[in-house]
């Protein structure tokens, strides 16, 4: 498979709205209901933080999400519109592209397991975490000038955090050194859990009212031309 024409440039300011489904790709869905674009932001509800970091939008998932919503609303039953997770079951999880199934939560939601799954999904992604520097092992930070902590040319940066035994979350770095992230079915955001601009996922506040992403799992270098 290869990426599709719904993939977007890594530029938060000019492309964030493409992750809040409007008109883009509507003509490709081949339905007679006008894509329901006035009611349903399909990308937002069918693609999660993992897809957002990878910058991959699946046209077939848009169709499935749309069909699911349309079938449940065609008899004027609009209760599904109140469910922000109405296409949650379609979200891609680490390990999906390598056909690796999920483990029990205690084993699944750990840094080593999820990092391994990301790298098996996309072997050309590079993981950056700890490096040897001046005979010491140090943990990389985003704004360091150490070359080993930065992505090579032709790659962009992402990051992974984990709430052990519960869930995960991904961030991505856009053009202009702007970090952003997408929490589940919500719209993309530039801020952390207390409303401060994310300057580095490792140091930003990640404690929310319902979950704390206490473990920072390192950064990823993602090829600009990532294929799936």
Protein backbone atom coordinates (compact mmCIF):
# COMPACT_ATOMS: atom_id res chain seq x y z
CA UNK A 1 0.00 0.00 0.00
CA UNK A 2 1.03 3.62 -0.32
CA UNK A 3 -0.02 6.91 1.18
CA UNK A 4 -3.07 8.53 -0.30
CA UNK A 5 -3.89 12.06 -1.45
CA UNK A 6 -5.41 12.87 1.93
CA UNK A 7 -2.01 12.90 3.61
CA UNK A 8 -0.98 16.43 4.48
CA UNK A 9 2.14 18.53 4.81
CA UNK A 10 3.58 18.79 8.28
CA UNK A 11 2.56 22.38 8.88
CA UNK A 12 0.19 22.85 11.80
CA UNK A 13 -1.03 26.36 11.05
CA UNK A 14 -2.05 25.72 7.44
CA UNK A 15 -3.19 22.10 7.76
CA UNK A 16 -4.77 21.64 11.18
CA UNK A 17 -8.26 22.03 9.67
CA UNK A 18 -7.69 18.98 7.48
CA UNK A 19 -7.82 16.94 10.68
CA UNK A 20 -11.21 18.53 11.37
CA UNK A 21 -13.07 17.01 8.44
CA UNK A 22 -14.63 19.52 6.08
CA UNK A 23 -14.52 19.25 2.29
CA UNK A 24 -11.19 17.55 1.55
CA UNK A 25 -11.72 14.16 -0.04
CA UNK A 26 -15.50 14.41 -0.03
CA UNK A 27 -15.77 13.69 -3.75
CA UNK A 28 -13.86 10.42 -3.27
CA UNK A 29 -16.38 8.83 -0.93
CA UNK A 30 -18.91 7.94 -3.65
CA UNK A 31 -22.04 8.41 -1.58
CA UNK A 32 -25.27 10.24 -2.19
CA UNK A 33 -25.54 12.05 1.12
CA UNK A 34 -23.14 14.89 0.38
CA UNK A 35 -20.56 13.25 2.65
CA UNK A 36 -22.59 14.49 5.61
CA UNK A 37 -19.92 17.17 5.81
CA UNK A 38 -22.19 19.62 7.59
CA UNK A 39 -22.65 17.17 10.48
CA UNK A 40 -19.72 14.80 10.69
CA UNK A 41 -16.03 15.58 10.90
CA UNK A 42 -14.96 12.10 9.87
CA UNK A 43 -11.20 12.45 10.15
CA UNK A 44 -11.45 13.89 13.62
CA UNK A 45 -13.54 10.99 14.94
CA UNK A 46 -11.97 8.07 13.08
CA UNK A 47 -8.24 8.89 13.40
CA UNK A 48 -6.40 9.08 16.71
CA UNK A 49 -3.10 10.43 18.03
CA UNK A 50 -1.09 7.59 16.44
CA UNK A 51 -2.44 8.36 12.98
CA UNK A 52 -1.90 12.05 13.67
CA UNK A 53 1.77 11.57 14.57
CA UNK A 54 2.29 9.37 11.51
CA UNK A 55 0.29 11.85 9.41
CA UNK A 56 -1.69 9.06 7.80
CA UNK A 57 -5.35 9.41 6.85
CA UNK A 58 -7.11 6.27 5.60
CA UNK A 59 -9.84 6.95 2.98
CA UNK A 60 -11.37 3.54 3.63
CA UNK A 61 -11.75 4.42 7.32
CA UNK A 62 -13.50 7.66 6.40
CA UNK A 63 -15.99 5.64 4.37
CA UNK A 64 -16.52 3.16 7.19
CA UNK A 65 -17.01 5.90 9.76
CA UNK A 66 -19.43 7.70 7.48
CA UNK A 67 -21.41 4.51 6.81
CA UNK A 68 -21.58 3.73 10.51
CA UNK A 69 -22.95 7.17 11.34
CA UNK A 70 -25.29 7.33 8.36
CA UNK A 71 -26.85 3.95 9.13
CA UNK A 72 -27.52 5.01 12.72
CA UNK A 73 -28.99 8.39 11.81
CA UNK A 74 -31.03 7.63 8.69
CA UNK A 75 -34.12 7.02 10.85
CA UNK A 76 -33.66 10.39 12.55
CA UNK A 77 -31.94 8.76 15.52
CA UNK A 78 -29.32 11.40 16.22
CA UNK A 79 -28.11 10.06 19.56
CA UNK A 80 -24.84 8.98 17.95
CA UNK A 81 -24.01 12.63 17.31
CA UNK A 82 -23.67 13.07 21.07
CA UNK A 83 -21.04 10.33 21.23
CA UNK A 84 -17.61 11.85 20.62
CA UNK A 85 -16.18 8.33 20.28
CA UNK A 86 -18.64 7.24 17.61
CA UNK A 87 -15.85 5.86 15.38
CA UNK A 88 -13.42 4.95 18.15
CA UNK A 89 -13.27 1.27 17.18
CA UNK A 90 -11.56 2.33 13.94
CA UNK A 91 -8.57 3.97 15.63
CA UNK A 92 -5.21 2.49 14.62
CA UNK A 93 -3.10 1.13 17.46
CA UNK A 94 0.67 0.56 17.53
CA UNK A 95 1.25 -2.87 15.99
CA UNK A 96 -1.64 -2.57 13.53
CA UNK A 97 0.51 -2.26 10.40
CA UNK A 98 2.68 -5.22 11.49
CA UNK A 99 -0.41 -7.27 12.34
CA UNK A 100 0.55 -7.57 16.01
CA UNK A 101 -2.34 -8.05 18.43
CA UNK A 102 -2.74 -6.21 21.73
CA UNK A 103 -1.65 -7.69 25.04
CA UNK A 104 -3.36 -7.29 28.39
CA UNK A 105 -3.18 -3.64 29.57
CA UNK A 106 -0.39 -4.19 32.11
CA UNK A 107 1.88 -5.54 29.37
CA UNK A 108 0.54 -3.47 26.48
CA UNK A 109 0.87 0.02 27.88
CA UNK A 110 4.58 0.22 28.58
CA UNK A 111 7.28 2.19 26.81
CA UNK A 112 9.32 -0.83 25.63
CA UNK A 113 6.29 -2.65 24.21
CA UNK A 114 4.79 0.32 22.37
CA UNK A 115 8.13 1.54 21.03
CA UNK A 116 8.79 -1.95 19.68
CA UNK A 117 5.39 -2.03 17.99
CA UNK A 118 5.90 1.36 16.33
CA UNK A 119 9.26 0.22 14.98
CA UNK A 120 7.77 -3.04 13.71
CA UNK A 121 4.95 -1.11 12.05
CA UNK A 122 7.49 1.11 10.31
CA UNK A 123 11.09 -0.23 10.34
CA UNK A 124 12.33 2.98 8.72
CA UNK A 125 11.28 5.04 11.77
CA UNK A 126 14.18 5.81 14.13
CA UNK A 127 13.77 5.80 17.92
CA UNK A 128 15.78 8.33 19.97
CA UNK A 129 15.89 8.14 23.74
CA UNK A 130 19.14 7.72 25.67
CA UNK A 131 22.59 8.23 24.19
CA UNK A 132 26.19 8.00 25.32
CA UNK A 133 27.81 11.42 25.69
CA UNK A 134 31.17 12.16 27.32
CA UNK A 135 31.19 8.65 28.79
CA UNK A 136 27.79 9.24 30.38
CA UNK A 137 24.35 7.93 29.43
CA UNK A 138 22.01 10.89 29.03
CA UNK A 139 18.38 11.21 28.03
CA UNK A 140 17.81 13.24 24.87
CA UNK A 141 15.79 16.43 24.97
CA UNK A 142 14.16 18.05 21.98
CA UNK A 143 16.02 21.35 22.05
CA UNK A 144 19.50 19.96 22.64
CA UNK A 145 22.21 20.69 20.10
CA UNK A 146 23.57 17.15 20.36
CA UNK A 147 23.47 15.69 16.87
CA UNK A 148 22.58 12.19 18.08
CA UNK A 149 19.41 13.59 19.64
CA UNK A 150 18.19 15.18 16.43
CA UNK A 151 16.58 13.65 13.37
CA UNK A 152 18.52 13.39 10.13
CA UNK A 153 17.56 15.36 7.06
CA UNK A 154 14.38 14.06 5.46
CA UNK A 155 12.85 13.09 8.79
CA UNK A 156 10.51 14.83 11.20
CA UNK A 157 10.10 14.25 14.92
CA UNK A 158 7.36 12.60 16.97
CA UNK A 159 7.13 11.50 20.60
CA UNK A 160 5.39 8.88 22.74
CA UNK A 161 4.17 9.03 26.35
CA UNK A 162 2.41 6.34 28.37
CA UNK A 163 0.09 6.04 31.32
CA UNK A 164 1.39 2.63 32.49
CA UNK A 165 -1.20 -0.10 32.25
CA UNK A 166 -3.82 2.29 30.91
CA UNK A 167 -3.17 4.06 27.61
CA UNK A 168 -0.72 5.94 25.37
CA UNK A 169 -0.45 9.29 23.63
CA UNK A 170 1.60 10.61 20.70
CA UNK A 171 2.85 14.06 19.69
CA UNK A 172 4.31 15.34 16.46
CA UNK A 173 6.60 18.23 15.56
CA UNK A 174 5.43 20.35 12.65
CA UNK A 175 7.24 22.86 10.48
CA UNK A 176 8.44 25.87 12.43
CA UNK A 177 9.34 23.63 15.41
CA UNK A 178 5.70 23.53 16.51
CA UNK A 179 4.64 20.58 18.64
CA UNK A 180 1.01 19.49 18.43
CA UNK A 181 -1.07 16.48 19.37
CA UNK A 182 -4.55 15.05 18.90
CA UNK A 183 -6.33 13.46 21.84
CA UNK A 184 -8.61 10.71 20.57
CA UNK A 185 -11.59 12.20 18.77
CA UNK A 186 -10.75 15.77 19.76
CA UNK A 187 -9.29 18.38 17.42
CA UNK A 188 -5.51 18.91 17.24
CA UNK A 189 -4.03 21.05 19.98
CA UNK A 190 -0.87 23.04 20.67
CA UNK A 191 -1.18 23.08 24.46
CA UNK A 192 -0.57 20.70 27.35
CA UNK A 193 -2.88 19.63 30.18
CA UNK A 194 -2.71 23.02 31.91
CA UNK A 195 -3.04 25.12 28.77
CA UNK A 196 0.63 25.93 28.17
CA UNK A 197 2.13 25.72 24.71
CA UNK A 198 3.93 22.39 24.22
CA UNK A 199 7.61 23.20 23.72
CA UNK A 200 8.76 19.63 24.37
CA UNK A 201 6.52 16.61 25.09
CA UNK A 202 9.10 15.38 27.58
CA UNK A 203 8.81 18.42 29.83
CA UNK A 204 5.23 19.59 29.26
CA UNK A 205 2.47 18.95 31.79
CA UNK A 206 0.83 15.60 30.98
CA UNK A 207 -1.42 15.17 34.01
CA UNK A 208 -5.10 15.35 33.06
CA UNK A 209 -8.15 14.96 35.27
CA UNK A 210 -8.73 11.39 34.08
CA UNK A 211 -5.21 10.18 33.24
CA UNK A 212 -1.55 11.01 33.76
CA UNK A 213 0.99 10.14 31.08
CA UNK A 214 3.82 9.75 33.55
CA UNK A 215 6.29 7.86 31.36
CA UNK A 216 8.14 9.56 28.51
CA UNK A 217 9.22 6.95 25.97
CA UNK A 218 11.51 9.03 23.76
CA UNK A 219 11.29 10.58 20.33
CA UNK A 220 10.77 9.13 16.86
CA UNK A 221 12.32 10.28 13.61
CA UNK A 222 9.67 9.73 10.95
CA UNK A 223 10.51 9.80 7.24
CA UNK A 224 8.90 12.73 5.41
CA UNK A 225 7.70 10.28 2.75
CA UNK A 226 6.42 7.63 5.16
CA UNK A 227 4.54 4.85 3.36
CA UNK A 228 2.19 2.26 4.76
